[in-house]
Structures are given as structure tokens and as C-alpha cells.
Amino acid sequence: MANTNLKIAVIQSGLRGYEVERVLNFWPGKLSKMIAGIIAPTNGEEIALAGVLDKKVCEIFPPEQVEVD
């Protein structure tokens, strides 16, 4: 599932995706794959992304909601 919160945070930061990747030493395309939901960031990557994007981790990566029957 796509992470629209992450995409919005990148846009609001004013940085380009490749600039965020460069600051965090991500390989090219890693951020796009996280946004698309192809790969999941580690806890450390979530914290680092939140720091670079000047957001709280819970704003970018909200806890998953559990469906109740």
C-alpha cells in the first residue's frame, strides 16, 4: 500500500526525493520504493526520515489500524 503521508512530507519539505536519499545515504530509488509500499523502512530509517523531513514519526508512519470483526 502506498504511503501518501511520506510523499506529502517530502513535498512539504521542499526537498527533492534524491536530496532526501543523499542525506540519508539511501541507494537511488529507495525512497520511491518506500513511498510505493514496495519496501518497508526499518525503525531507524523511519526516525531518520522524520528528522530530515522535520516531522514526527507518527505523522509519516501512522500505526496500522486493526480491523475489528
PDB file of N, CA and C in Angstrom:
ATOM      1  N   MET A   1       0.843  -1.167   0.000  1.00  0.00           N
ATOM      2  CA  MET A   1       0.000   0.000   0.000  1.00  0.00           C
ATOM      3  C   MET A   1       0.897   1.242   0.000  1.00  0.00           C
ATOM      4  N   ALA A   2       0.528   2.223  -0.776  1.00  0.00           N
ATOM      5  CA  ALA A   2       1.320   3.439  -0.906  1.00  0.00           C
ATOM      6  C   ALA A   2       1.284   4.260   0.381  1.00  0.00           C
ATOM      7  N   ASN A   3       2.401   4.889   0.679  1.00  0.00           N
ATOM      8  CA  ASN A   3       2.495   5.742   1.862  1.00  0.00           C
ATOM      9  C   ASN A   3       2.351   7.195   1.415  1.00  0.00           C
ATOM     10  N   THR A   4       1.115   7.663   1.345  1.00  0.00           N
ATOM     11  CA  THR A   4       0.866   9.033   0.897  1.00  0.00           C
ATOM     12  C   THR A   4       1.358  10.049   1.918  1.00  0.00           C
ATOM     13  N   ASN A   5       1.360   9.692   3.198  1.00  0.00           N
ATOM     14  CA  ASN A   5       1.870  10.613   4.221  1.00  0.00           C
ATOM     15  C   ASN A   5       3.350  10.914   3.995  1.00  0.00           C
ATOM     16  N   LEU A   6       4.110   9.896   3.606  1.00  0.00           N
ATOM     17  CA  LEU A   6       5.530  10.086   3.331  1.00  0.00           C
ATOM     18  C   LEU A   6       5.713  10.967   2.101  1.00  0.00           C
ATOM     19  N   LYS A   7       4.949  10.711   1.058  1.00  0.00           N
ATOM     20  CA  LYS A   7       5.036  11.512  -0.168  1.00  0.00           C
ATOM     21  C   LYS A   7       4.716  12.980   0.122  1.00  0.00           C
ATOM     22  N   ILE A   8       3.660  13.220   0.883  1.00  0.00           N
ATOM     23  CA  ILE A   8       3.269  14.593   1.228  1.00  0.00           C
ATOM     24  C   ILE A   8       4.362  15.266   2.059  1.00  0.00           C
ATOM     25  N   ALA A   9       4.958  14.528   2.994  1.00  0.00           N
ATOM     26  CA  ALA A   9       6.018  15.092   3.836  1.00  0.00           C
ATOM     27  C   ALA A   9       7.232  15.492   3.000  1.00  0.00           C
ATOM     28  N   VAL A  10       7.563  14.686   1.998  1.00  0.00           N
ATOM     29  CA  VAL A  10       8.688  15.019   1.109  1.00  0.00           C
ATOM     30  C   VAL A  10       8.370  16.295   0.341  1.00  0.00           C
ATOM     31  N   ILE A  11       7.169  16.391  -0.200  1.00  0.00           N
ATOM     32  CA  ILE A  11       6.774  17.581  -0.957  1.00  0.00           C
ATOM     33  C   ILE A  11       6.794  18.813  -0.057  1.00  0.00           C
ATOM     34  N   GLN A  12       6.233  18.699   1.148  1.00  0.00           N
ATOM     35  CA  GLN A  12       6.185  19.832   2.073  1.00  0.00           C
ATOM     36  C   GLN A  12       7.574  20.269   2.533  1.00  0.00           C
ATOM     37  N   SER A  13       8.524  19.348   2.532  1.00  0.00           N
ATOM     38  CA  SER A  13       9.877  19.689   2.979  1.00  0.00           C
ATOM     39  C   SER A  13      10.585  20.619   2.002  1.00  0.00           C
ATOM     40  N   GLY A  14      10.147  20.608   0.754  1.00  0.00           N
ATOM     41  CA  GLY A  14      10.812  21.413  -0.264  1.00  0.00           C
ATOM     42  C   GLY A  14      12.036  20.740  -0.854  1.00  0.00           C
ATOM     43  N   LEU A  15      12.344  19.539  -0.390  1.00  0.00           N
ATOM     44  CA  LEU A  15      13.478  18.782  -0.910  1.00  0.00           C
ATOM     45  C   LEU A  15      13.021  17.856  -2.022  1.00  0.00           C
ATOM     46  N   ARG A  16      13.919  17.558  -2.923  1.00  0.00           N
ATOM     47  CA  ARG A  16      13.663  16.547  -3.946  1.00  0.00           C
ATOM     48  C   ARG A  16      13.919  15.177  -3.328  1.00  0.00           C
ATOM     49  N   GLY A  17      13.290  14.159  -3.908  1.00  0.00           N
ATOM     50  CA  GLY A  17      13.471  12.804  -3.396  1.00  0.00           C
ATOM     51  C   GLY A  17      14.925  12.388  -3.367  1.00  0.00           C
ATOM     52  N   TYR A  18      15.659  12.720  -4.439  1.00  0.00           N
ATOM     53  CA  TYR A  18      17.066  12.328  -4.486  1.00  0.00           C
ATOM     54  C   TYR A  18      17.894  13.063  -3.429  1.00  0.00           C
ATOM     55  N   GLU A  19      17.469  14.272  -3.040  1.00  0.00           N
ATOM     56  CA  GLU A  19      18.179  15.002  -1.989  1.00  0.00           C
ATOM     57  C   GLU A  19      17.978  14.324  -0.633  1.00  0.00           C
ATOM     58  N   VAL A  20      16.762  13.869  -0.380  1.00  0.00           N
ATOM     59  CA  VAL A  20      16.479  13.135   0.862  1.00  0.00           C
ATOM     60  C   VAL A  20      17.295  11.849   0.880  1.00  0.00           C
ATOM     61  N   GLU A  21      17.316  11.137  -0.245  1.00  0.00           N
ATOM     62  CA  GLU A  21      18.095   9.895  -0.335  1.00  0.00           C
ATOM     63  C   GLU A  21      19.574  10.155  -0.080  1.00  0.00           C
ATOM     64  N   ARG A  22      20.099  11.225  -0.627  1.00  0.00           N
ATOM     65  CA  ARG A  22      21.518  11.547  -0.474  1.00  0.00           C
ATOM     66  C   ARG A  22      21.857  11.845   0.989  1.00  0.00           C
ATOM     67  N   VAL A  23      21.016  12.627   1.657  1.00  0.00           N
ATOM     68  CA  VAL A  23      21.254  12.971   3.068  1.00  0.00           C
ATOM     69  C   VAL A  23      21.273  11.711   3.933  1.00  0.00           C
ATOM     70  N   LEU A  24      20.394  10.770   3.615  1.00  0.00           N
ATOM     71  CA  LEU A  24      20.260   9.555   4.428  1.00  0.00           C
ATOM     72  C   LEU A  24      21.118   8.391   3.931  1.00  0.00           C
ATOM     73  N   ASN A  25      21.907   8.624   2.886  1.00  0.00           N
ATOM     74  CA  ASN A  25      22.738   7.567   2.287  1.00  0.00           C
ATOM     75  C   ASN A  25      21.915   6.379   1.807  1.00  0.00           C
ATOM     76  N   PHE A  26      20.730   6.656   1.271  1.00  0.00           N
ATOM     77  CA  PHE A  26      19.907   5.611   0.662  1.00  0.00           C
ATOM     78  C   PHE A  26      20.401   5.378  -0.757  1.00  0.00           C
ATOM     79  N   TRP A  27      20.241   4.176  -1.261  1.00  0.00           N
ATOM     80  CA  TRP A  27      20.552   3.931  -2.664  1.00  0.00           C
ATOM     81  C   TRP A  27      19.470   4.572  -3.531  1.00  0.00           C
ATOM     82  N   PRO A  28      19.825   4.925  -4.770  1.00  0.00           N
ATOM     83  CA  PRO A  28      18.852   5.608  -5.644  1.00  0.00           C
ATOM     84  C   PRO A  28      17.576   4.792  -5.821  1.00  0.00           C
ATOM     85  N   GLY A  29      16.454   5.420  -5.642  1.00  0.00           N
ATOM     86  CA  GLY A  29      15.165   4.757  -5.811  1.00  0.00           C
ATOM     87  C   GLY A  29      14.581   4.171  -4.539  1.00  0.00           C
ATOM     88  N   LYS A  30      15.361   4.126  -3.473  1.00  0.00           N
ATOM     89  CA  LYS A  30      14.866   3.513  -2.233  1.00  0.00           C
ATOM     90  C   LYS A  30      13.674   4.281  -1.671  1.00  0.00           C
ATOM     91  N   LEU A  31      13.744   5.609  -1.682  1.00  0.00           N
ATOM     92  CA  LEU A  31      12.641   6.416  -1.166  1.00  0.00           C
ATOM     93  C   LEU A  31      11.375   6.180  -1.979  1.00  0.00           C
ATOM     94  N   SER A  32      11.507   6.113  -3.289  1.00  0.00           N
ATOM     95  CA  SER A  32      10.343   5.857  -4.150  1.00  0.00           C
ATOM     96  C   SER A  32       9.711   4.512  -3.835  1.00  0.00           C
ATOM     97  N   LYS A  33      10.546   3.518  -3.574  1.00  0.00           N
ATOM     98  CA  LYS A  33      10.026   2.191  -3.242  1.00  0.00           C
ATOM     99  C   LYS A  33       9.323   2.199  -1.884  1.00  0.00           C
ATOM    100  N   MET A  34       9.805   3.019  -0.951  1.00  0.00           N
ATOM    101  CA  MET A  34       9.131   3.154   0.346  1.00  0.00           C
ATOM    102  C   MET A  34       7.781   3.844   0.170  1.00  0.00           C
ATOM    103  N   ILE A  35       7.757   4.886  -0.652  1.00  0.00           N
ATOM    104  CA  ILE A  35       6.505   5.604  -0.902  1.00  0.00           C
ATOM    105  C   ILE A  35       5.492   4.687  -1.571  1.00  0.00           C
ATOM    106  N   ALA A  36       5.950   3.871  -2.510  1.00  0.00           N
ATOM    107  CA  ALA A  36       5.065   2.963  -3.239  1.00  0.00           C
ATOM    108  C   ALA A  36       4.641   1.762  -2.398  1.00  0.00           C
ATOM    109  N   GLY A  37       5.304   1.540  -1.266  1.00  0.00           N
ATOM    110  CA  GLY A  37       4.965   0.408  -0.418  1.00  0.00           C
ATOM    111  C   GLY A  37       5.627  -0.885  -0.839  1.00  0.00           C
ATOM    112  N   ILE A  38       6.623  -0.788  -1.716  1.00  0.00           N
ATOM    113  CA  ILE A  38       7.322  -1.982  -2.188  1.00  0.00           C
ATOM    114  C   ILE A  38       8.263  -2.506  -1.113  1.00  0.00           C
ATOM    115  N   ILE A  39       8.922  -1.587  -0.407  1.00  0.00           N
ATOM    116  CA  ILE A  39       9.766  -1.984   0.718  1.00  0.00           C
ATOM    117  C   ILE A  39       9.331  -1.194   1.949  1.00  0.00           C
ATOM    118  N   ALA A  40       9.509  -1.800   3.099  1.00  0.00           N
ATOM    119  CA  ALA A  40       9.147  -1.147   4.362  1.00  0.00           C
ATOM    120  C   ALA A  40      10.413  -0.608   5.024  1.00  0.00           C
ATOM    121  N   PRO A  41      10.368   0.615   5.521  1.00  0.00           N
ATOM    122  CA  PRO A  41      11.540   1.162   6.203  1.00  0.00           C
ATOM    123  C   PRO A  41      11.733   0.516   7.570  1.00  0.00           C
ATOM    124  N   THR A  42      12.980   0.437   7.985  1.00  0.00           N
ATOM    125  CA  THR A  42      13.268  -0.050   9.335  1.00  0.00           C
ATOM    126  C   THR A  42      12.909   1.052  10.331  1.00  0.00           C
ATOM    127  N   ASN A  43      12.910   0.714  11.606  1.00  0.00           N
ATOM    128  CA  ASN A  43      12.632   1.726  12.635  1.00  0.00           C
ATOM    129  C   ASN A  43      13.643   2.864  12.561  1.00  0.00           C
ATOM    130  N   GLY A  44      14.901   2.519  12.340  1.00  0.00           N
ATOM    131  CA  GLY A  44      15.944   3.533  12.228  1.00  0.00           C
ATOM    132  C   GLY A  44      15.731   4.441  11.032  1.00  0.00           C
ATOM    133  N   GLU A  45      15.304   3.858   9.914  1.00  0.00           N
ATOM    134  CA  GLU A  45      15.029   4.657   8.714  1.00  0.00           C
ATOM    135  C   GLU A  45      13.822   5.564   8.923  1.00  0.00           C
ATOM    136  N   GLU A  46      12.820   5.075   9.627  1.00  0.00           N
ATOM    137  CA  GLU A  46      11.648   5.909   9.931  1.00  0.00           C
ATOM    138  C   GLU A  46      12.057   7.132  10.744  1.00  0.00           C
ATOM    139  N   ILE A  47      12.885   6.920  11.756  1.00  0.00           N
ATOM    140  CA  ILE A  47      13.342   8.019  12.609  1.00  0.00           C
ATOM    141  C   ILE A  47      14.186   9.004  11.805  1.00  0.00           C
ATOM    142  N   ALA A  48      15.082   8.478  10.968  1.00  0.00           N
ATOM    143  CA  ALA A  48      15.939   9.339  10.152  1.00  0.00           C
ATOM    144  C   ALA A  48      15.115  10.153   9.156  1.00  0.00           C
ATOM    145  N   LEU A  49      14.143   9.519   8.513  1.00  0.00           N
ATOM    146  CA  LEU A  49      13.274  10.232   7.569  1.00  0.00           C
ATOM    147  C   LEU A  49      12.500  11.339   8.274  1.00  0.00           C
ATOM    148  N   ALA A  50      11.960  11.031   9.432  1.00  0.00           N
ATOM    149  CA  ALA A  50      11.207  12.036  10.183  1.00  0.00           C
ATOM    150  C   ALA A  50      12.095  13.224  10.533  1.00  0.00           C
ATOM    151  N   GLY A  51      13.333  12.955  10.890  1.00  0.00           N
ATOM    152  CA  GLY A  51      14.259  14.034  11.221  1.00  0.00           C
ATOM    153  C   GLY A  51      14.568  14.925  10.033  1.00  0.00           C
ATOM    154  N   VAL A  52      14.854  14.311   8.896  1.00  0.00           N
ATOM    155  CA  VAL A  52      15.179  15.078   7.688  1.00  0.00           C
ATOM    156  C   VAL A  52      13.970  15.870   7.205  1.00  0.00           C
ATOM    157  N   LEU A  53      12.785  15.282   7.318  1.00  0.00           N
ATOM    158  CA  LEU A  53      11.570  15.927   6.815  1.00  0.00           C
ATOM    159  C   LEU A  53      10.918  16.838   7.856  1.00  0.00           C
ATOM    160  N   ASP A  54      11.512  16.926   9.037  1.00  0.00           N
ATOM    161  CA  ASP A  54      11.023  17.781  10.125  1.00  0.00           C
ATOM    162  C   ASP A  54       9.581  17.439  10.511  1.00  0.00           C
ATOM    163  N   LYS A  55       9.333  16.152  10.657  1.00  0.00           N
ATOM    164  CA  LYS A  55       8.018  15.643  11.061  1.00  0.00           C
ATOM    165  C   LYS A  55       8.209  14.660  12.206  1.00  0.00           C
ATOM    166  N   LYS A  56       7.123  14.316  12.866  1.00  0.00           N
ATOM    167  CA  LYS A  56       7.142  13.250  13.861  1.00  0.00           C
ATOM    168  C   LYS A  56       6.967  11.927  13.119  1.00  0.00           C
ATOM    169  N   VAL A  57       7.556  10.873  13.668  1.00  0.00           N
ATOM    170  CA  VAL A  57       7.448   9.556  13.037  1.00  0.00           C
ATOM    171  C   VAL A  57       5.986   9.164  12.855  1.00  0.00           C
ATOM    172  N   CYS A  58       5.153   9.436  13.862  1.00  0.00           N
ATOM    173  CA  CYS A  58       3.744   9.040  13.787  1.00  0.00           C
ATOM    174  C   CYS A  58       2.975   9.818  12.716  1.00  0.00           C
ATOM    175  N   GLU A  59       3.486  10.977  12.291  1.00  0.00           N
ATOM    176  CA  GLU A  59       2.830  11.733  11.218  1.00  0.00           C
ATOM    177  C   GLU A  59       3.100  11.109   9.856  1.00  0.00           C
ATOM    178  N   ILE A  60       4.287  10.546   9.701  1.00  0.00           N
ATOM    179  CA  ILE A  60       4.667   9.953   8.416  1.00  0.00           C
ATOM    180  C   ILE A  60       4.286   8.480   8.357  1.00  0.00           C
ATOM    181  N   PHE A  61       4.463   7.797   9.471  1.00  0.00           N
ATOM    182  CA  PHE A  61       4.184   6.360   9.542  1.00  0.00           C
ATOM    183  C   PHE A  61       3.175   6.102  10.654  1.00  0.00           C
ATOM    184  N   PRO A  62       1.891   6.391  10.408  1.00  0.00           N
ATOM    185  CA  PRO A  62       0.892   6.179  11.459  1.00  0.00           C
ATOM    186  C   PRO A  62       0.764   4.695  11.798  1.00  0.00           C
ATOM    187  N   PRO A  63       0.459   4.403  13.057  1.00  0.00           N
ATOM    188  CA  PRO A  63       0.278   2.993  13.427  1.00  0.00           C
ATOM    189  C   PRO A  63      -0.860   2.384  12.615  1.00  0.00           C
ATOM    190  N   GLU A  64      -0.659   1.163  12.213  1.00  0.00           N
ATOM    191  CA  GLU A  64      -1.688   0.491  11.410  1.00  0.00           C
ATOM    192  C   GLU A  64      -2.924   0.256  12.254  1.00  0.00           C
ATOM    193  N   GLN A  65      -4.058   0.477  11.629  1.00  0.00           N
ATOM    194  CA  GLN A  65      -5.312   0.252  12.330  1.00  0.00           C
ATOM    195  C   GLN A  65      -5.672  -1.223  12.241  1.00  0.00           C
ATOM    196  N   VAL A  66      -6.126  -1.757  13.336  1.00  0.00           N
ATOM    197  CA  VAL A  66      -6.522  -3.156  13.392  1.00  0.00           C
ATOM    198  C   VAL A  66      -8.019  -3.230  13.135  1.00  0.00           C
ATOM    199  N   GLU A  67      -8.386  -4.099  12.208  1.00  0.00           N
ATOM    200  CA  GLU A  67      -9.808  -4.258  11.910  1.00  0.00           C
ATOM    201  C   GLU A  67     -10.452  -5.138  12.973  1.00  0.00           C
ATOM    202  N   VAL A  68     -11.604  -4.710  13.448  1.00  0.00           N
ATOM    203  CA  VAL A  68     -12.338  -5.456  14.464  1.00  0.00           C
ATOM    204  C   VAL A  68     -13.551  -6.083  13.798  1.00  0.00           C
ATOM    205  N   ASP A  69     -13.745  -7.369  14.057  1.00  0.00           N
ATOM    206  CA  ASP A  69     -14.902  -8.064  13.463  1.00  0.00           C
ATOM    207  C   ASP A  69     -16.171  -7.718  14.187  1.00  0.00           C
TER     208      ASP A  69
END
